[in-house]
Protein backbone atom coordinates (compact mmCIF):
# COMPACT_ATOMS: atom_id res chain seq x y z
CA UNK A 1 10.08 -0.10 -15.88
CA UNK A 2 11.10 -3.20 -13.92
CA UNK A 3 8.41 -5.25 -12.23
CA UNK A 4 9.65 -4.44 -8.72
CA UNK A 5 9.25 -0.70 -9.37
CA UNK A 6 5.73 -1.27 -10.66
CA UNK A 7 4.82 -3.25 -7.55
CA UNK A 8 6.07 -0.53 -5.21
CA UNK A 9 4.22 2.18 -7.14
CA UNK A 10 1.07 0.04 -7.16
CA UNK A 11 1.32 -0.57 -3.40
CA UNK A 12 1.84 3.13 -2.73
CA UNK A 13 -1.05 4.04 -5.02
CA UNK A 14 -3.39 1.56 -3.38
CA UNK A 15 -2.38 2.84 0.03
CA UNK A 16 -3.10 6.39 -1.05
CA UNK A 17 -6.49 5.49 -2.50
CA UNK A 18 -7.37 3.46 0.59
CA UNK A 19 -6.38 6.39 2.77
CA UNK A 20 -8.55 8.82 0.82
CA UNK A 21 -11.47 6.39 0.91
CA UNK A 22 -11.20 5.87 4.66
CA UNK A 23 -10.80 9.56 5.38
CA UNK A 24 -13.78 10.67 3.33
CA UNK A 25 -16.06 7.90 4.56
CA UNK A 26 -15.68 9.17 8.10
CA UNK A 27 -12.83 7.07 9.50
CA UNK A 28 -10.40 9.98 9.73
CA UNK A 29 -7.85 8.41 12.07
CA UNK A 30 -7.44 5.23 10.03
CA UNK A 31 -7.32 7.28 6.84
CA UNK A 32 -4.42 9.32 8.19
CA UNK A 33 -2.70 6.17 9.47
CA UNK A 34 -2.92 4.42 6.11
CA UNK A 35 -1.81 7.62 4.37
CA UNK A 36 1.42 7.51 6.37
CA UNK A 37 2.28 4.23 4.66
CA UNK A 38 2.76 5.88 1.25
CA UNK A 39 6.16 7.53 1.89
CA UNK A 40 7.34 4.44 3.77
CA UNK A 41 6.50 2.16 0.85
CA UNK A 42 8.20 4.49 -1.63
CA UNK A 43 11.28 4.82 0.61
CA UNK A 44 11.54 1.04 0.90
CA UNK A 45 11.36 0.76 -2.88
CA UNK A 46 14.14 3.31 -3.33
CA UNK A 47 16.28 1.58 -0.71
CA UNK A 48 15.92 -1.81 -2.37
CA UNK A 49 16.50 -0.38 -5.84
CA UNK A 50 19.69 1.47 -4.81
CA UNK A 51 20.88 -1.54 -2.81
CA UNK A 52 20.63 -3.79 -5.86
CA UNK A 53 22.59 -1.31 -7.94
CA UNK A 54 25.49 -1.09 -5.46
CA UNK A 55 25.75 -4.73 -4.44
């Protein structure tokens, strides 16, 4: 797996873990906010990966 893919998966994973941590330590709103980053990070990774393949 290329390094860029690993970085995007790591960023999404850290965002998910941070979201779970925030949510279950009582900061529900921030936990939900950080959780919304996960699909955005993964979508950005897909966009960059497909863009490199086409151009």
